[in-house]
PDB file of all heavy atoms in Angstrom:
ATOM      1  N   ASN A   1      41.121  -1.943  43.934  1.00  0.00           N
ATOM      2  CA  ASN A   1      39.894  -2.341  44.593  1.00  0.00           C
ATOM      3  C   ASN A   1      39.820  -1.993  46.066  1.00  0.00           C
ATOM      4  O   ASN A   1      38.827  -2.280  46.721  1.00  0.00           O
ATOM      5  CB  ASN A   1      39.691  -3.853  44.442  1.00  0.00           C
ATOM      6  CG  ASN A   1      39.271  -4.273  43.057  1.00  0.00           C
ATOM      7  OD1 ASN A   1      38.737  -3.450  42.334  1.00  0.00           O
ATOM      8  ND2 ASN A   1      39.498  -5.513  42.717  1.00  0.00           N
ATOM      9  N   ASN A   2      40.885  -1.371  46.565  1.00  0.00           N
ATOM     10  CA  ASN A   2      40.951  -1.017  48.013  1.00  0.00           C
ATOM     11  C   ASN A   2      40.716  -2.239  48.916  1.00  0.00           C
ATOM     12  O   ASN A   2      40.104  -2.170  49.976  1.00  0.00           O
ATOM     13  CB  ASN A   2      39.918   0.057  48.353  1.00  0.00           C
ATOM     14  CG  ASN A   2      40.315   1.424  47.921  1.00  0.00           C
ATOM     15  OD1 ASN A   2      41.439   1.626  47.391  1.00  0.00           O
ATOM     16  ND2 ASN A   2      39.449   2.409  48.016  1.00  0.00           N
ATOM     17  N   ASP A   3      41.270  -3.380  48.500  1.00  0.00           N
ATOM     18  CA  ASP A   3      41.147  -4.632  49.276  1.00  0.00           C
ATOM     19  C   ASP A   3      42.450  -5.041  49.905  1.00  0.00           C
ATOM     20  O   ASP A   3      42.538  -6.127  50.495  1.00  0.00           O
ATOM     21  CB  ASP A   3      40.587  -5.738  48.400  1.00  0.00           C
ATOM     22  CG  ASP A   3      41.522  -6.111  47.229  1.00  0.00           C
ATOM     23  OD1 ASP A   3      42.590  -5.434  47.071  1.00  0.00           O
ATOM     24  OD2 ASP A   3      41.222  -7.048  46.509  1.00  0.00           O
ATOM     25  N   GLY A   4      43.473  -4.182  49.813  1.00  0.00           N
ATOM     26  CA  GLY A   4      44.739  -4.486  50.424  1.00  0.00           C
ATOM     27  C   GLY A   4      45.670  -5.326  49.577  1.00  0.00           C
ATOM     28  O   GLY A   4      46.781  -5.664  50.031  1.00  0.00           O
ATOM     29  N   ARG A   5      45.225  -5.702  48.363  1.00  0.00           N
ATOM     30  CA  ARG A   5      46.055  -6.533  47.487  1.00  0.00           C
ATOM     31  C   ARG A   5      46.279  -5.738  46.177  1.00  0.00           C
ATOM     32  O   ARG A   5      45.448  -4.918  45.791  1.00  0.00           O
ATOM     33  CB  ARG A   5      45.407  -7.869  47.162  1.00  0.00           C
ATOM     34  CG  ARG A   5      45.290  -8.775  48.390  1.00  0.00           C
ATOM     35  CD  ARG A   5      44.764 -10.140  48.015  1.00  0.00           C
ATOM     36  NE  ARG A   5      43.430 -10.099  47.472  1.00  0.00           N
ATOM     37  CZ  ARG A   5      42.718 -11.186  47.204  1.00  0.00           C
ATOM     38  NH1 ARG A   5      43.230 -12.390  47.350  1.00  0.00           N
ATOM     39  NH2 ARG A   5      41.483 -11.081  46.688  1.00  0.00           N
ATOM     40  N   LEU A   6      47.397  -6.034  45.539  1.00  0.00           N
ATOM     41  CA  LEU A   6      47.722  -5.285  44.298  1.00  0.00           C
ATOM     42  C   LEU A   6      47.191  -6.022  43.083  1.00  0.00           C
ATOM     43  O   LEU A   6      47.427  -7.240  42.907  1.00  0.00           O
ATOM     44  CB  LEU A   6      49.250  -5.132  44.177  1.00  0.00           C
ATOM     45  CG  LEU A   6      49.925  -4.287  45.281  1.00  0.00           C
ATOM     46  CD1 LEU A   6      51.404  -4.173  44.971  1.00  0.00           C
ATOM     47  CD2 LEU A   6      49.302  -2.951  45.419  1.00  0.00           C
ATOM     48  N   GLU A   7      46.506  -5.288  42.205  1.00  0.00           N
ATOM     49  CA  GLU A   7      46.080  -5.823  40.928  1.00  0.00           C
ATOM     50  C   GLU A   7      47.125  -5.480  39.877  1.00  0.00           C
ATOM     51  O   GLU A   7      47.978  -4.581  40.074  1.00  0.00           O
ATOM     52  CB  GLU A   7      44.738  -5.236  40.506  1.00  0.00           C
ATOM     53  CG  GLU A   7      43.576  -5.757  41.329  1.00  0.00           C
ATOM     54  CD  GLU A   7      43.473  -5.201  42.758  1.00  0.00           C
ATOM     55  OE1 GLU A   7      43.534  -3.970  42.885  1.00  0.00           O
ATOM     56  OE2 GLU A   7      43.353  -5.981  43.673  1.00  0.00           O
ATOM     57  N   LEU A   8      47.099  -6.156  38.723  1.00  0.00           N
ATOM     58  CA  LEU A   8      48.053  -5.917  37.663  1.00  0.00           C
ATOM     59  C   LEU A   8      47.302  -5.366  36.432  1.00  0.00           C
ATOM     60  O   LEU A   8      46.258  -5.897  36.061  1.00  0.00           O
ATOM     61  CB  LEU A   8      48.743  -7.203  37.236  1.00  0.00           C
ATOM     62  CG  LEU A   8      49.782  -7.810  38.232  1.00  0.00           C
ATOM     63  CD1 LEU A   8      50.212  -9.158  37.736  1.00  0.00           C
ATOM     64  CD2 LEU A   8      50.986  -6.878  38.332  1.00  0.00           C
ATOM     65  N   LEU A   9      47.872  -4.318  35.845  1.00  0.00           N
ATOM     66  CA  LEU A   9      47.310  -3.731  34.622  1.00  0.00           C
ATOM     67  C   LEU A   9      48.403  -3.753  33.559  1.00  0.00           C
ATOM     68  O   LEU A   9      49.518  -3.236  33.761  1.00  0.00           O
ATOM     69  CB  LEU A   9      46.861  -2.288  34.838  1.00  0.00           C
ATOM     70  CG  LEU A   9      46.434  -1.510  33.605  1.00  0.00           C
ATOM     71  CD1 LEU A   9      45.172  -2.131  32.995  1.00  0.00           C
ATOM     72  CD2 LEU A   9      46.152  -0.056  33.944  1.00  0.00           C
ATOM     73  N   SER A  10      48.106  -4.347  32.425  1.00  0.00           N
ATOM     74  CA  SER A  10      48.986  -4.386  31.282  1.00  0.00           C
ATOM     75  C   SER A  10      48.319  -3.658  30.123  1.00  0.00           C
ATOM     76  O   SER A  10      47.261  -4.072  29.636  1.00  0.00           O
ATOM     77  CB  SER A  10      49.292  -5.848  30.868  1.00  0.00           C
ATOM     78  OG  SER A  10      49.980  -5.869  29.615  1.00  0.00           O
ATOM     79  N   THR A  11      48.870  -2.514  29.680  1.00  0.00           N
ATOM     80  CA  THR A  11      48.349  -1.786  28.516  1.00  0.00           C
ATOM     81  C   THR A  11      49.019  -2.326  27.262  1.00  0.00           C
ATOM     82  O   THR A  11      50.237  -2.416  27.198  1.00  0.00           O
ATOM     83  CB  THR A  11      48.582  -0.279  28.703  1.00  0.00           C
ATOM     84  OG1 THR A  11      49.971  -0.043  29.002  1.00  0.00           O
ATOM     85  CG2 THR A  11      47.762   0.244  29.818  1.00  0.00           C
ATOM     86  N   ASN A  12      48.182  -2.651  26.279  1.00  0.00           N
ATOM     87  CA  ASN A  12      48.613  -3.349  25.081  1.00  0.00           C
ATOM     88  C   ASN A  12      48.452  -2.550  23.806  1.00  0.00           C
ATOM     89  O   ASN A  12      47.632  -1.626  23.810  1.00  0.00           O
ATOM     90  CB  ASN A  12      47.919  -4.683  24.989  1.00  0.00           C
ATOM     91  CG  ASN A  12      48.124  -5.578  26.209  1.00  0.00           C
ATOM     92  OD1 ASN A  12      49.193  -5.556  26.824  1.00  0.00           O
ATOM     93  ND2 ASN A  12      47.082  -6.348  26.593  1.00  0.00           N
ATOM     94  N   ASP A  13      49.175  -2.926  22.822  1.00  0.00           N
ATOM     95  CA  ASP A  13      49.180  -2.225  21.541  1.00  0.00           C
ATOM     96  C   ASP A  13      48.332  -2.953  20.530  1.00  0.00           C
ATOM     97  O   ASP A  13      48.532  -4.139  20.259  1.00  0.00           O
ATOM     98  CB  ASP A  13      50.619  -2.072  21.027  1.00  0.00           C
ATOM     99  CG  ASP A  13      50.781  -1.092  19.900  1.00  0.00           C
ATOM    100  OD1 ASP A  13      49.788  -0.446  19.530  1.00  0.00           O
ATOM    101  OD2 ASP A  13      51.889  -0.958  19.390  1.00  0.00           O
ATOM    102  N   ALA A  14      47.308  -2.230  19.956  1.00  0.00           N
ATOM    103  CA  ALA A  14      46.486  -2.762  18.890  1.00  0.00           C
ATOM    104  C   ALA A  14      45.688  -4.016  19.314  1.00  0.00           C
ATOM    105  O   ALA A  14      45.408  -4.894  18.510  1.00  0.00           O
ATOM    106  CB  ALA A  14      47.288  -3.038  17.651  1.00  0.00           C
ATOM    107  N   MET A  15      45.354  -4.096  20.588  1.00  0.00           N
ATOM    108  CA  MET A  15      44.588  -5.194  21.129  1.00  0.00           C
ATOM    109  C   MET A  15      44.058  -4.834  22.486  1.00  0.00           C
ATOM    110  O   MET A  15      44.393  -3.770  23.020  1.00  0.00           O
ATOM    111  CB  MET A  15      45.447  -6.480  21.163  1.00  0.00           C
ATOM    112  CG  MET A  15      46.623  -6.341  22.127  1.00  0.00           C
ATOM    113  SD  MET A  15      47.561  -7.907  22.296  1.00  0.00           S
ATOM    114  CE  MET A  15      46.379  -8.899  23.204  1.00  0.00           C
ATOM    115  N   ALA A  16      43.239  -5.662  23.071  1.00  0.00           N
ATOM    116  CA  ALA A  16      42.659  -5.433  24.377  1.00  0.00           C
ATOM    117  C   ALA A  16      43.748  -5.387  25.441  1.00  0.00           C
ATOM    118  O   ALA A  16      44.734  -6.153  25.416  1.00  0.00           O
ATOM    119  CB  ALA A  16      41.616  -6.485  24.710  1.00  0.00           C
ATOM    120  N   ASN A  17      43.571  -4.538  26.456  1.00  0.00           N
ATOM    121  CA  ASN A  17      44.449  -4.507  27.599  1.00  0.00           C
ATOM    122  C   ASN A  17      44.132  -5.714  28.522  1.00  0.00           C
ATOM    123  O   ASN A  17      43.072  -6.378  28.387  1.00  0.00           O
ATOM    124  CB  ASN A  17      44.251  -3.209  28.430  1.00  0.00           C
ATOM    125  CG  ASN A  17      44.600  -2.022  27.592  1.00  0.00           C
ATOM    126  OD1 ASN A  17      45.564  -2.014  26.837  1.00  0.00           O
ATOM    127  ND2 ASN A  17      43.842  -0.925  27.795  1.00  0.00           N
ATOM    128  N   TYR A  18      45.063  -5.969  29.473  1.00  0.00           N
ATOM    129  CA  TYR A  18      44.839  -7.005  30.484  1.00  0.00           C
ATOM    130  C   TYR A  18      44.727  -6.359  31.875  1.00  0.00           C
ATOM    131  O   TYR A  18      45.500  -5.449  32.169  1.00  0.00           O
ATOM    132  CB  TYR A  18      45.965  -8.011  30.540  1.00  0.00           C
ATOM    133  CG  TYR A  18      46.257  -8.758  29.249  1.00  0.00           C
ATOM    134  CD1 TYR A  18      47.561  -9.032  28.868  1.00  0.00           C
ATOM    135  CD2 TYR A  18      45.222  -9.167  28.432  1.00  0.00           C
ATOM    136  CE1 TYR A  18      47.822  -9.737  27.695  1.00  0.00           C
ATOM    137  CE2 TYR A  18      45.496  -9.869  27.258  1.00  0.00           C
ATOM    138  CZ  TYR A  18      46.804 -10.144  26.909  1.00  0.00           C
ATOM    139  OH  TYR A  18      47.067 -10.846  25.756  1.00  0.00           O
ATOM    140  N   TYR A  19      43.760  -6.873  32.686  1.00  0.00           N
ATOM    141  CA  TYR A  19      43.660  -6.417  34.061  1.00  0.00           C
ATOM    142  C   TYR A  19      43.437  -7.672  34.898  1.00  0.00           C
ATOM    143  O   TYR A  19      42.464  -8.395  34.702  1.00  0.00           O
ATOM    144  CB  TYR A  19      42.461  -5.437  34.213  1.00  0.00           C
ATOM    145  CG  TYR A  19      42.116  -5.106  35.644  1.00  0.00           C
ATOM    146  CD1 TYR A  19      42.877  -4.160  36.364  1.00  0.00           C
ATOM    147  CD2 TYR A  19      41.048  -5.730  36.255  1.00  0.00           C
ATOM    148  CE1 TYR A  19      42.552  -3.851  37.681  1.00  0.00           C
ATOM    149  CE2 TYR A  19      40.725  -5.420  37.585  1.00  0.00           C
ATOM    150  CZ  TYR A  19      41.461  -4.464  38.242  1.00  0.00           C
ATOM    151  OH  TYR A  19      41.118  -4.199  39.560  1.00  0.00           O
ATOM    152  N   PHE A  20      44.345  -7.929  35.822  1.00  0.00           N
ATOM    153  CA  PHE A  20      44.322  -9.174  36.584  1.00  0.00           C
ATOM    154  C   PHE A  20      44.038  -8.877  38.066  1.00  0.00           C
ATOM    155  O   PHE A  20      44.714  -8.010  38.705  1.00  0.00           O
ATOM    156  CB  PHE A  20      45.655  -9.909  36.527  1.00  0.00           C
ATOM    157  CG  PHE A  20      45.999 -10.393  35.113  1.00  0.00           C
ATOM    158  CD1 PHE A  20      46.869  -9.631  34.309  1.00  0.00           C
ATOM    159  CD2 PHE A  20      45.484 -11.553  34.654  1.00  0.00           C
ATOM    160  CE1 PHE A  20      47.182 -10.090  33.047  1.00  0.00           C
ATOM    161  CE2 PHE A  20      45.815 -12.019  33.358  1.00  0.00           C
ATOM    162  CZ  PHE A  20      46.658 -11.277  32.561  1.00  0.00           C
ATOM    163  N   GLU A  21      43.058  -9.604  38.618  1.00  0.00           N
ATOM    164  CA  GLU A  21      42.787  -9.542  40.054  1.00  0.00           C
ATOM    165  C   GLU A  21      43.058 -10.945  40.636  1.00  0.00           C
ATOM    166  O   GLU A  21      42.764 -11.962  39.977  1.00  0.00           O
ATOM    167  CB  GLU A  21      41.309  -9.197  40.277  1.00  0.00           C
ATOM    168  CG  GLU A  21      40.930  -7.791  39.870  1.00  0.00           C
ATOM    169  CD  GLU A  21      39.486  -7.482  40.161  1.00  0.00           C
ATOM    170  OE1 GLU A  21      38.725  -8.443  40.487  1.00  0.00           O
ATOM    171  OE2 GLU A  21      39.043  -6.332  40.033  1.00  0.00           O
ATOM    172  N   MET A  22      43.537 -10.992  41.865  1.00  0.00           N
ATOM    173  CA  MET A  22      43.834 -12.284  42.513  1.00  0.00           C
ATOM    174  C   MET A  22      42.555 -12.791  43.142  1.00  0.00           C
ATOM    175  O   MET A  22      41.879 -12.051  43.892  1.00  0.00           O
ATOM    176  CB  MET A  22      44.952 -12.112  43.524  1.00  0.00           C
ATOM    177  CG  MET A  22      45.451 -13.442  44.117  1.00  0.00           C
ATOM    178  SD  MET A  22      46.892 -13.223  45.152  1.00  0.00           S
ATOM    179  CE  MET A  22      48.174 -12.840  43.964  1.00  0.00           C
ATOM    180  N   ASN A  23      42.237 -14.067  42.904  1.00  0.00           N
ATOM    181  CA  ASN A  23      41.026 -14.645  43.462  1.00  0.00           C
ATOM    182  C   ASN A  23      41.258 -15.244  44.851  1.00  0.00           C
ATOM    183  O   ASN A  23      42.403 -15.161  45.374  1.00  0.00           O
ATOM    184  CB  ASN A  23      40.411 -15.682  42.517  1.00  0.00           C
ATOM    185  CG  ASN A  23      41.328 -16.862  42.269  1.00  0.00           C
ATOM    186  OD1 ASN A  23      42.190 -17.183  43.078  1.00  0.00           O
ATOM    187  ND2 ASN A  23      41.154 -17.496  41.136  1.00  0.00           N
ATOM    188  N   ALA A  24      40.278 -15.844  45.433  1.00  0.00           N
ATOM    189  CA  ALA A  24      40.386 -16.424  46.795  1.00  0.00           C
ATOM    190  C   ALA A  24      41.403 -17.550  46.871  1.00  0.00           C
ATOM    191  O   ALA A  24      41.906 -17.876  47.959  1.00  0.00           O
ATOM    192  CB  ALA A  24      39.021 -16.888  47.250  1.00  0.00           C
ATOM    193  N   ARG A  25      41.708 -18.175  45.746  1.00  0.00           N
ATOM    194  CA  ARG A  25      42.698 -19.259  45.707  1.00  0.00           C
ATOM    195  C   ARG A  25      44.121 -18.764  45.534  1.00  0.00           C
ATOM    196  O   ARG A  25      45.060 -19.570  45.471  1.00  0.00           O
ATOM    197  CB  ARG A  25      42.363 -20.255  44.565  1.00  0.00           C
ATOM    198  CG  ARG A  25      41.031 -20.951  44.759  1.00  0.00           C
ATOM    199  CD  ARG A  25      40.739 -21.936  43.626  1.00  0.00           C
ATOM    200  NE  ARG A  25      40.519 -21.257  42.338  1.00  0.00           N
ATOM    201  CZ  ARG A  25      41.331 -21.231  41.327  1.00  0.00           C
ATOM    202  NH1 ARG A  25      42.504 -21.847  41.430  1.00  0.00           N
ATOM    203  NH2 ARG A  25      41.032 -20.580  40.223  1.00  0.00           N
ATOM    204  N   GLY A  26      44.273 -17.442  45.439  1.00  0.00           N
ATOM    205  CA  GLY A  26      45.614 -16.873  45.297  1.00  0.00           C
ATOM    206  C   GLY A  26      46.137 -16.949  43.858  1.00  0.00           C
ATOM    207  O   GLY A  26      47.360 -16.876  43.652  1.00  0.00           O
ATOM    208  N   VAL A  27      45.215 -17.054  42.888  1.00  0.00           N
ATOM    209  CA  VAL A  27      45.576 -17.099  41.478  1.00  0.00           C
ATOM    210  C   VAL A  27      44.925 -15.928  40.760  1.00  0.00           C
ATOM    211  O   VAL A  27      43.788 -15.509  41.102  1.00  0.00           O
ATOM    212  CB  VAL A  27      45.124 -18.451  40.824  1.00  0.00           C
ATOM    213  CG1 VAL A  27      45.421 -18.444  39.346  1.00  0.00           C
ATOM    214  CG2 VAL A  27      45.808 -19.611  41.507  1.00  0.00           C
ATOM    215  N   TYR A  28      45.569 -15.378  39.769  1.00  0.00           N
ATOM    216  CA  TYR A  28      45.032 -14.243  39.061  1.00  0.00           C
ATOM    217  C   TYR A  28      43.953 -14.617  38.053  1.00  0.00           C
ATOM    218  O   TYR A  28      44.017 -15.673  37.410  1.00  0.00           O
ATOM    219  CB  TYR A  28      46.140 -13.494  38.308  1.00  0.00           C
ATOM    220  CG  TYR A  28      47.035 -12.664  39.215  1.00  0.00           C
ATOM    221  CD1 TYR A  28      48.322 -13.141  39.555  1.00  0.00           C
ATOM    222  CD2 TYR A  28      46.618 -11.434  39.720  1.00  0.00           C
ATOM    223  CE1 TYR A  28      49.161 -12.375  40.381  1.00  0.00           C
ATOM    224  CE2 TYR A  28      47.469 -10.688  40.531  1.00  0.00           C
ATOM    225  CZ  TYR A  28      48.699 -11.169  40.872  1.00  0.00           C
ATOM    226  OH  TYR A  28      49.522 -10.433  41.695  1.00  0.00           O
ATOM    227  N   GLU A  29      42.952 -13.699  37.897  1.00  0.00           N
ATOM    228  CA  GLU A  29      41.932 -13.841  36.867  1.00  0.00           C
ATOM    229  C   GLU A  29      41.911 -12.551  36.102  1.00  0.00           C
ATOM    230  O   GLU A  29      42.044 -11.483  36.663  1.00  0.00           O
ATOM    231  CB  GLU A  29      40.561 -14.102  37.499  1.00  0.00           C
ATOM    232  CG  GLU A  29      40.456 -15.453  38.234  1.00  0.00           C
ATOM    233  CD  GLU A  29      39.095 -15.659  38.829  1.00  0.00           C
ATOM    234  OE1 GLU A  29      38.300 -14.668  38.916  1.00  0.00           O
ATOM    235  OE2 GLU A  29      38.791 -16.811  39.285  1.00  0.00           O
ATOM    236  N   GLU A  30      41.653 -12.667  34.797  1.00  0.00           N
ATOM    237  CA  GLU A  30      41.639 -11.499  33.902  1.00  0.00           C
ATOM    238  C   GLU A  30      40.258 -10.896  33.811  1.00  0.00           C
ATOM    239  O   GLU A  30      39.295 -11.597  33.492  1.00  0.00           O
ATOM    240  CB  GLU A  30      42.185 -11.902  32.509  1.00  0.00           C
ATOM    241  CG  GLU A  30      42.809 -10.773  31.752  1.00  0.00           C
ATOM    242  CD  GLU A  30      41.818  -9.781  31.158  1.00  0.00           C
ATOM    243  OE1 GLU A  30      40.949 -10.235  30.406  1.00  0.00           O
ATOM    244  OE2 GLU A  30      41.912  -8.580  31.515  1.00  0.00           O
ATOM    245  N   HIS A  31      40.132  -9.584  34.113  1.00  0.00           N
ATOM    246  CA  HIS A  31      38.824  -8.946  34.164  1.00  0.00           C
ATOM    247  C   HIS A  31      38.791  -7.578  33.459  1.00  0.00           C
ATOM    248  O   HIS A  31      38.035  -6.705  33.848  1.00  0.00           O
ATOM    249  CB  HIS A  31      38.336  -8.765  35.605  1.00  0.00           C
ATOM    250  CG  HIS A  31      38.019 -10.051  36.324  1.00  0.00           C
ATOM    251  ND1 HIS A  31      36.928 -10.819  35.996  1.00  0.00           N
ATOM    252  CD2 HIS A  31      38.657 -10.686  37.336  1.00  0.00           C
ATOM    253  CE1 HIS A  31      36.902 -11.865  36.772  1.00  0.00           C
ATOM    254  NE2 HIS A  31      37.958 -11.841  37.592  1.00  0.00           N
ATOM    255  N   ALA A  32      39.645  -7.408  32.438  1.00  0.00           N
ATOM    256  CA  ALA A  32      39.711  -6.069  31.809  1.00  0.00           C
ATOM    257  C   ALA A  32      38.364  -5.664  31.187  1.00  0.00           C
ATOM    258  O   ALA A  32      37.928  -4.530  31.329  1.00  0.00           O
ATOM    259  CB  ALA A  32      40.810  -6.063  30.756  1.00  0.00           C
ATOM    260  N   LEU A  33      37.690  -6.605  30.530  1.00  0.00           N
ATOM    261  CA  LEU A  33      36.417  -6.250  29.897  1.00  0.00           C
ATOM    262  C   LEU A  33      35.369  -5.933  30.944  1.00  0.00           C
ATOM    263  O   LEU A  33      34.611  -4.970  30.794  1.00  0.00           O
ATOM    264  CB  LEU A  33      35.966  -7.435  29.033  1.00  0.00           C
ATOM    265  CG  LEU A  33      34.757  -7.161  28.106  1.00  0.00           C
ATOM    266  CD1 LEU A  33      35.105  -6.040  27.103  1.00  0.00           C
ATOM    267  CD2 LEU A  33      34.363  -8.430  27.370  1.00  0.00           C
ATOM    268  N   ASP A  34      35.327  -6.708  32.019  1.00  0.00           N
ATOM    269  CA  ASP A  34      34.348  -6.450  33.085  1.00  0.00           C
ATOM    270  C   ASP A  34      34.551  -5.065  33.745  1.00  0.00           C
ATOM    271  O   ASP A  34      33.610  -4.424  34.132  1.00  0.00           O
ATOM    272  CB  ASP A  34      34.441  -7.508  34.197  1.00  0.00           C
ATOM    273  CG  ASP A  34      34.252  -8.899  33.650  1.00  0.00           C
ATOM    274  OD1 ASP A  34      33.627  -9.065  32.613  1.00  0.00           O
ATOM    275  OD2 ASP A  34      34.698  -9.862  34.326  1.00  0.00           O
ATOM    276  N   MET A  35      35.796  -4.645  33.845  1.00  0.00           N
ATOM    277  CA  MET A  35      36.150  -3.393  34.527  1.00  0.00           C
ATOM    278  C   MET A  35      36.205  -2.222  33.598  1.00  0.00           C
ATOM    279  O   MET A  35      36.568  -1.120  33.984  1.00  0.00           O
ATOM    280  CB  MET A  35      37.485  -3.572  35.243  1.00  0.00           C
ATOM    281  CG  MET A  35      37.504  -4.647  36.333  1.00  0.00           C
ATOM    282  SD  MET A  35      36.413  -4.242  37.692  1.00  0.00           S
ATOM    283  CE  MET A  35      37.336  -2.942  38.466  1.00  0.00           C
ATOM    284  N   ASN A  36      35.831  -2.446  32.307  1.00  0.00           N
ATOM    285  CA  ASN A  36      35.840  -1.366  31.302  1.00  0.00           C
ATOM    286  C   ASN A  36      37.271  -0.815  31.059  1.00  0.00           C
ATOM    287  O   ASN A  36      37.451   0.369  30.851  1.00  0.00           O
ATOM    288  CB  ASN A  36      34.903  -0.226  31.690  1.00  0.00           C
ATOM    289  CG  ASN A  36      34.618   0.734  30.554  1.00  0.00           C
ATOM    290  OD1 ASN A  36      34.614   0.302  29.393  1.00  0.00           O
ATOM    291  ND2 ASN A  36      34.400   1.972  30.816  1.00  0.00           N
TER     292      ASN A  36
END
């Protein structure tokens, strides 16, 4: 996101992938579907 923080990407087998962004509270949220 070019926001200075690292996001996490987990590529998965026979299921949806995971993509995590850290929110303002410092906790990760999963947004793989939103981010295509």
